[in-house]
Structures are given as C-alpha cells and as structure tokens.
C-alpha cells in the first residue's frame, strides 16, 4: 500500500481529557472558528465509541 495515498479510514475523533473522561469531536472543522464540534463527553471509551456509532447511523438514515 502506498503510504502517501489517502486512506478511507478516518482517525477516531475521541480524545482523553485531563479529567479522565473521553470527548467525541466532529470529524469536520467549523469554517468560521477552525474548531471541531463537541459531540459529547463520556466516562468511558466504550461509551464514546457507542455514541460515535449512533451518530454515524443517524447520519445515514
């Protein structure tokens, strides 16, 4: 596989906060502010991944 080729797999936008919680961010940036939209803060990584799946499913239906 060519390392310079763009992959269809996008990086997860879940980040661990200093508080130990996990935050889900939008994969697209806001054009005006340059920041990503906060899609929720969760106690565990599993909860954040579950919500990410729910968001993706909602976008498709």
PDB file of N, CA and C in Angstrom:
ATOM      1  N   UNK A   1       0.839  -1.185   0.000  1.00  0.00           N
ATOM      2  CA  UNK A   1       0.000   0.000   0.000  1.00  0.00           C
ATOM      3  C   UNK A   1       0.876   1.238   0.000  1.00  0.00           C
ATOM      4  N   UNK A   2       0.491   2.211  -0.782  1.00  0.00           N
ATOM      5  CA  UNK A   2       1.237   3.447  -0.895  1.00  0.00           C
ATOM      6  C   UNK A   2       1.019   4.302   0.357  1.00  0.00           C
ATOM      7  N   UNK A   3       2.070   4.645   1.107  1.00  0.00           N
ATOM      8  CA  UNK A   3       1.894   5.432   2.334  1.00  0.00           C
ATOM      9  C   UNK A   3       1.404   6.851   2.071  1.00  0.00           C
ATOM     10  N   UNK A   4       1.590   7.354   0.836  1.00  0.00           N
ATOM     11  CA  UNK A   4       1.149   8.701   0.505  1.00  0.00           C
ATOM     12  C   UNK A   4      -0.303   8.747   0.056  1.00  0.00           C
ATOM     13  N   UNK A   5      -0.889   7.586  -0.237  1.00  0.00           N
ATOM     14  CA  UNK A   5      -2.280   7.545  -0.679  1.00  0.00           C
ATOM     15  C   UNK A   5      -3.210   7.811   0.499  1.00  0.00           C
ATOM     16  N   UNK A   6      -4.300   8.523   0.199  1.00  0.00           N
ATOM     17  CA  UNK A   6      -5.273   8.802   1.258  1.00  0.00           C
ATOM     18  C   UNK A   6      -6.049   7.537   1.551  1.00  0.00           C
ATOM     19  N   UNK A   7      -6.230   7.272   2.817  1.00  0.00           N
ATOM     20  CA  UNK A   7      -6.962   6.100   3.248  1.00  0.00           C
ATOM     21  C   UNK A   7      -8.414   6.477   3.486  1.00  0.00           C
ATOM     22  N   UNK A   8      -9.319   5.538   3.248  1.00  0.00           N
ATOM     23  CA  UNK A   8     -10.730   5.787   3.511  1.00  0.00           C
ATOM     24  C   UNK A   8     -11.033   5.680   4.999  1.00  0.00           C
ATOM     25  N   UNK A   9     -10.091   5.160   5.758  1.00  0.00           N
ATOM     26  CA  UNK A   9     -10.270   5.034   7.203  1.00  0.00           C
ATOM     27  C   UNK A   9      -9.884   6.361   7.849  1.00  0.00           C
ATOM     28  N   UNK A  10     -10.824   6.941   8.587  1.00  0.00           N
ATOM     29  CA  UNK A  10     -10.544   8.202   9.250  1.00  0.00           C
ATOM     30  C   UNK A  10     -10.189   7.954  10.706  1.00  0.00           C
ATOM     31  N   UNK A  11      -9.348   8.808  11.230  1.00  0.00           N
ATOM     32  CA  UNK A  11      -8.937   8.726  12.623  1.00  0.00           C
ATOM     33  C   UNK A  11     -10.146   8.984  13.518  1.00  0.00           C
ATOM     34  N   UNK A  12     -10.250   8.221  14.551  1.00  0.00           N
ATOM     35  CA  UNK A  12     -11.322   8.457  15.519  1.00  0.00           C
ATOM     36  C   UNK A  12     -11.100   9.800  16.177  1.00  0.00           C
ATOM     37  N   UNK A  13     -12.168  10.496  16.381  1.00  0.00           N
ATOM     38  CA  UNK A  13     -12.066  11.810  16.996  1.00  0.00           C
ATOM     39  C   UNK A  13     -12.481  11.748  18.460  1.00  0.00           C
ATOM     40  N   UNK A  14     -11.968  10.757  19.150  1.00  0.00           N
ATOM     41  CA  UNK A  14     -12.215  10.627  20.580  1.00  0.00           C
ATOM     42  C   UNK A  14     -10.896  10.941  21.283  1.00  0.00           C
ATOM     43  N   UNK A  15     -10.965  11.895  22.189  1.00  0.00           N
ATOM     44  CA  UNK A  15      -9.751  12.293  22.903  1.00  0.00           C
ATOM     45  C   UNK A  15      -9.959  12.157  24.402  1.00  0.00           C
ATOM     46  N   UNK A  16      -8.910  11.787  25.100  1.00  0.00           N
ATOM     47  CA  UNK A  16      -8.976  11.667  26.553  1.00  0.00           C
ATOM     48  C   UNK A  16      -8.654  13.025  27.171  1.00  0.00           C
ATOM     49  N   UNK A  17      -9.504  13.464  28.072  1.00  0.00           N
ATOM     50  CA  UNK A  17      -9.324  14.746  28.741  1.00  0.00           C
ATOM     51  C   UNK A  17      -8.480  14.573  30.001  1.00  0.00           C
ATOM     52  N   UNK A  18      -7.994  15.668  30.544  1.00  0.00           N
ATOM     53  CA  UNK A  18      -7.202  15.620  31.772  1.00  0.00           C
ATOM     54  C   UNK A  18      -8.008  15.054  32.936  1.00  0.00           C
ATOM     55  N   UNK A  19      -9.324  15.232  32.879  1.00  0.00           N
ATOM     56  CA  UNK A  19     -10.200  14.737  33.946  1.00  0.00           C
ATOM     57  C   UNK A  19     -10.365  13.222  33.901  1.00  0.00           C
ATOM     58  N   UNK A  20      -9.886  12.591  32.823  1.00  0.00           N
ATOM     59  CA  UNK A  20     -10.019  11.143  32.674  1.00  0.00           C
ATOM     60  C   UNK A  20     -11.225  10.750  31.838  1.00  0.00           C
ATOM     61  N   UNK A  21     -12.042  11.729  31.467  1.00  0.00           N
ATOM     62  CA  UNK A  21     -13.188  11.442  30.622  1.00  0.00           C
ATOM     63  C   UNK A  21     -12.773  11.458  29.153  1.00  0.00           C
ATOM     64  N   UNK A  22     -13.676  11.015  28.286  1.00  0.00           N
ATOM     65  CA  UNK A  22     -13.412  10.957  26.857  1.00  0.00           C
ATOM     66  C   UNK A  22     -14.397  11.862  26.138  1.00  0.00           C
ATOM     67  N   UNK A  23     -13.901  12.621  25.167  1.00  0.00           N
ATOM     68  CA  UNK A  23     -14.759  13.541  24.424  1.00  0.00           C
ATOM     69  C   UNK A  23     -14.753  13.159  22.954  1.00  0.00           C
ATOM     70  N   UNK A  24     -15.932  13.157  22.370  1.00  0.00           N
ATOM     71  CA  UNK A  24     -16.121  12.857  20.954  1.00  0.00           C
ATOM     72  C   UNK A  24     -16.243  14.173  20.202  1.00  0.00           C
ATOM     73  N   UNK A  25     -15.425  14.341  19.162  1.00  0.00           N
ATOM     74  CA  UNK A  25     -15.436  15.553  18.350  1.00  0.00           C
ATOM     75  C   UNK A  25     -15.886  15.223  16.938  1.00  0.00           C
ATOM     76  N   UNK A  26     -16.458  16.213  16.264  1.00  0.00           N
ATOM     77  CA  UNK A  26     -16.839  16.075  14.865  1.00  0.00           C
ATOM     78  C   UNK A  26     -15.575  15.875  14.025  1.00  0.00           C
ATOM     79  N   UNK A  27     -15.708  15.162  12.929  1.00  0.00           N
ATOM     80  CA  UNK A  27     -14.549  14.924  12.066  1.00  0.00           C
ATOM     81  C   UNK A  27     -14.273  16.107  11.151  1.00  0.00           C
ATOM     82  N   UNK A  28     -15.243  17.012  11.025  1.00  0.00           N
ATOM     83  CA  UNK A  28     -15.055  18.194  10.186  1.00  0.00           C
ATOM     84  C   UNK A  28     -14.888  19.425  11.067  1.00  0.00           C
ATOM     85  N   UNK A  29     -14.118  20.369  10.589  1.00  0.00           N
ATOM     86  CA  UNK A  29     -13.873  21.596  11.330  1.00  0.00           C
ATOM     87  C   UNK A  29     -14.901  22.654  10.939  1.00  0.00           C
ATOM     88  N   UNK A  30     -15.229  23.519  11.893  1.00  0.00           N
ATOM     89  CA  UNK A  30     -16.087  24.657  11.639  1.00  0.00           C
ATOM     90  C   UNK A  30     -15.289  25.660  10.816  1.00  0.00           C
ATOM     91  N   UNK A  31     -15.832  26.100   9.699  1.00  0.00           N
ATOM     92  CA  UNK A  31     -15.105  27.006   8.810  1.00  0.00           C
ATOM     93  C   UNK A  31     -14.819  28.356   9.467  1.00  0.00           C
ATOM     94  N   UNK A  32     -15.729  28.815  10.323  1.00  0.00           N
ATOM     95  CA  UNK A  32     -15.556  30.128  10.945  1.00  0.00           C
ATOM     96  C   UNK A  32     -14.522  30.117  12.059  1.00  0.00           C
ATOM     97  N   UNK A  33     -14.579  29.110  12.937  1.00  0.00           N
ATOM     98  CA  UNK A  33     -13.699  29.101  14.105  1.00  0.00           C
ATOM     99  C   UNK A  33     -12.475  28.215  13.935  1.00  0.00           C
ATOM    100  N   UNK A  34     -12.556  27.236  13.049  1.00  0.00           N
ATOM    101  CA  UNK A  34     -11.452  26.303  12.874  1.00  0.00           C
ATOM    102  C   UNK A  34     -11.433  25.196  13.904  1.00  0.00           C
ATOM    103  N   UNK A  35     -12.452  25.156  14.779  1.00  0.00           N
ATOM    104  CA  UNK A  35     -12.536  24.131  15.811  1.00  0.00           C
ATOM    105  C   UNK A  35     -13.501  23.032  15.407  1.00  0.00           C
ATOM    106  N   UNK A  36     -13.395  21.923  16.092  1.00  0.00           N
ATOM    107  CA  UNK A  36     -14.308  20.803  15.853  1.00  0.00           C
ATOM    108  C   UNK A  36     -15.459  20.869  16.846  1.00  0.00           C
ATOM    109  N   UNK A  37     -16.637  20.422  16.414  1.00  0.00           N
ATOM    110  CA  UNK A  37     -17.813  20.453  17.278  1.00  0.00           C
ATOM    111  C   UNK A  37     -17.729  19.355  18.327  1.00  0.00           C
ATOM    112  N   UNK A  38     -18.082  19.696  19.557  1.00  0.00           N
ATOM    113  CA  UNK A  38     -18.117  18.735  20.653  1.00  0.00           C
ATOM    114  C   UNK A  38     -19.398  17.910  20.511  1.00  0.00           C
ATOM    115  N   UNK A  39     -19.257  16.588  20.371  1.00  0.00           N
ATOM    116  CA  UNK A  39     -20.418  15.708  20.216  1.00  0.00           C
ATOM    117  C   UNK A  39     -20.730  14.945  21.492  1.00  0.00           C
ATOM    118  N   UNK A  40     -20.075  15.280  22.574  1.00  0.00           N
ATOM    119  CA  UNK A  40     -20.396  14.652  23.843  1.00  0.00           C
ATOM    120  C   UNK A  40     -19.165  14.279  24.642  1.00  0.00           C
ATOM    121  N   UNK A  41     -19.345  14.206  25.962  1.00  0.00           N
ATOM    122  CA  UNK A  41     -18.293  13.804  26.879  1.00  0.00           C
ATOM    123  C   UNK A  41     -18.772  12.578  27.634  1.00  0.00           C
ATOM    124  N   UNK A  42     -17.918  11.559  27.742  1.00  0.00           N
ATOM    125  CA  UNK A  42     -18.318  10.266  28.286  1.00  0.00           C
ATOM    126  C   UNK A  42     -17.308   9.779  29.315  1.00  0.00           C
ATOM    127  N   UNK A  43     -17.785   8.959  30.235  1.00  0.00           N
ATOM    128  CA  UNK A  43     -16.941   8.448  31.312  1.00  0.00           C
ATOM    129  C   UNK A  43     -15.961   7.389  30.810  1.00  0.00           C
ATOM    130  N   UNK A  44     -16.365   6.595  29.823  1.00  0.00           N
ATOM    131  CA  UNK A  44     -15.506   5.521  29.330  1.00  0.00           C
ATOM    132  C   UNK A  44     -15.342   5.603  27.822  1.00  0.00           C
ATOM    133  N   UNK A  45     -14.275   5.001  27.329  1.00  0.00           N
ATOM    134  CA  UNK A  45     -14.017   4.944  25.891  1.00  0.00           C
ATOM    135  C   UNK A  45     -15.127   4.153  25.195  1.00  0.00           C
ATOM    136  N   UNK A  46     -15.619   3.091  25.834  1.00  0.00           N
ATOM    137  CA  UNK A  46     -16.673   2.265  25.237  1.00  0.00           C
ATOM    138  C   UNK A  46     -17.940   3.095  25.010  1.00  0.00           C
ATOM    139  N   UNK A  47     -18.285   3.946  25.963  1.00  0.00           N
ATOM    140  CA  UNK A  47     -19.460   4.804  25.796  1.00  0.00           C
ATOM    141  C   UNK A  47     -19.262   5.782  24.648  1.00  0.00           C
ATOM    142  N   UNK A  48     -18.072   6.331  24.525  1.00  0.00           N
ATOM    143  CA  UNK A  48     -17.772   7.277  23.445  1.00  0.00           C
ATOM    144  C   UNK A  48     -17.847   6.585  22.092  1.00  0.00           C
ATOM    145  N   UNK A  49     -17.302   5.373  21.982  1.00  0.00           N
ATOM    146  CA  UNK A  49     -17.369   4.624  20.719  1.00  0.00           C
ATOM    147  C   UNK A  49     -18.812   4.283  20.356  1.00  0.00           C
ATOM    148  N   UNK A  50     -19.609   3.906  21.352  1.00  0.00           N
ATOM    149  CA  UNK A  50     -21.017   3.583  21.109  1.00  0.00           C
ATOM    150  C   UNK A  50     -21.748   4.814  20.569  1.00  0.00           C
ATOM    151  N   UNK A  51     -21.501   5.970  21.160  1.00  0.00           N
ATOM    152  CA  UNK A  51     -22.157   7.195  20.701  1.00  0.00           C
ATOM    153  C   UNK A  51     -21.693   7.552  19.290  1.00  0.00           C
ATOM    154  N   UNK A  52     -20.415   7.325  18.995  1.00  0.00           N
ATOM    155  CA  UNK A  52     -19.896   7.596  17.652  1.00  0.00           C
ATOM    156  C   UNK A  52     -20.630   6.733  16.629  1.00  0.00           C
ATOM    157  N   UNK A  53     -20.873   5.460  16.961  1.00  0.00           N
ATOM    158  CA  UNK A  53     -21.627   4.580  16.057  1.00  0.00           C
ATOM    159  C   UNK A  53     -23.061   5.087  15.886  1.00  0.00           C
ATOM    160  N   UNK A  54     -23.663   5.549  16.975  1.00  0.00           N
ATOM    161  CA  UNK A  54     -25.027   6.080  16.900  1.00  0.00           C
ATOM    162  C   UNK A  54     -25.089   7.319  16.013  1.00  0.00           C
ATOM    163  N   UNK A  55     -24.088   8.188  16.117  1.00  0.00           N
ATOM    164  CA  UNK A  55     -24.040   9.393  15.292  1.00  0.00           C
ATOM    165  C   UNK A  55     -23.901   9.006  13.825  1.00  0.00           C
ATOM    166  N   UNK A  56     -23.003   8.070  13.519  1.00  0.00           N
ATOM    167  CA  UNK A  56     -22.814   7.637  12.131  1.00  0.00           C
ATOM    168  C   UNK A  56     -24.089   7.004  11.582  1.00  0.00           C
ATOM    169  N   UNK A  57     -24.763   6.202  12.385  1.00  0.00           N
ATOM    170  CA  UNK A  57     -26.001   5.571  11.947  1.00  0.00           C
ATOM    171  C   UNK A  57     -27.073   6.624  11.691  1.00  0.00           C
ATOM    172  N   UNK A  58     -27.153   7.629  12.539  1.00  0.00           N
ATOM    173  CA  UNK A  58     -28.138   8.701  12.373  1.00  0.00           C
ATOM    174  C   UNK A  58     -27.898   9.462  11.074  1.00  0.00           C
ATOM    175  N   UNK A  59     -26.618   9.709  10.751  1.00  0.00           N
ATOM    176  CA  UNK A  59     -26.290  10.445   9.541  1.00  0.00           C
ATOM    177  C   UNK A  59     -26.697   9.693   8.277  1.00  0.00           C
ATOM    178  N   UNK A  60     -26.722   8.374   8.344  1.00  0.00           N
ATOM    179  CA  UNK A  60     -27.034   7.561   7.159  1.00  0.00           C
ATOM    180  C   UNK A  60     -28.518   7.351   6.965  1.00  0.00           C
ATOM    181  N   UNK A  61     -29.323   7.624   8.004  1.00  0.00           N
ATOM    182  CA  UNK A  61     -30.776   7.345   7.894  1.00  0.00           C
ATOM    183  C   UNK A  61     -31.600   8.575   8.042  1.00  0.00           C
TER     184      UNK A  61
END
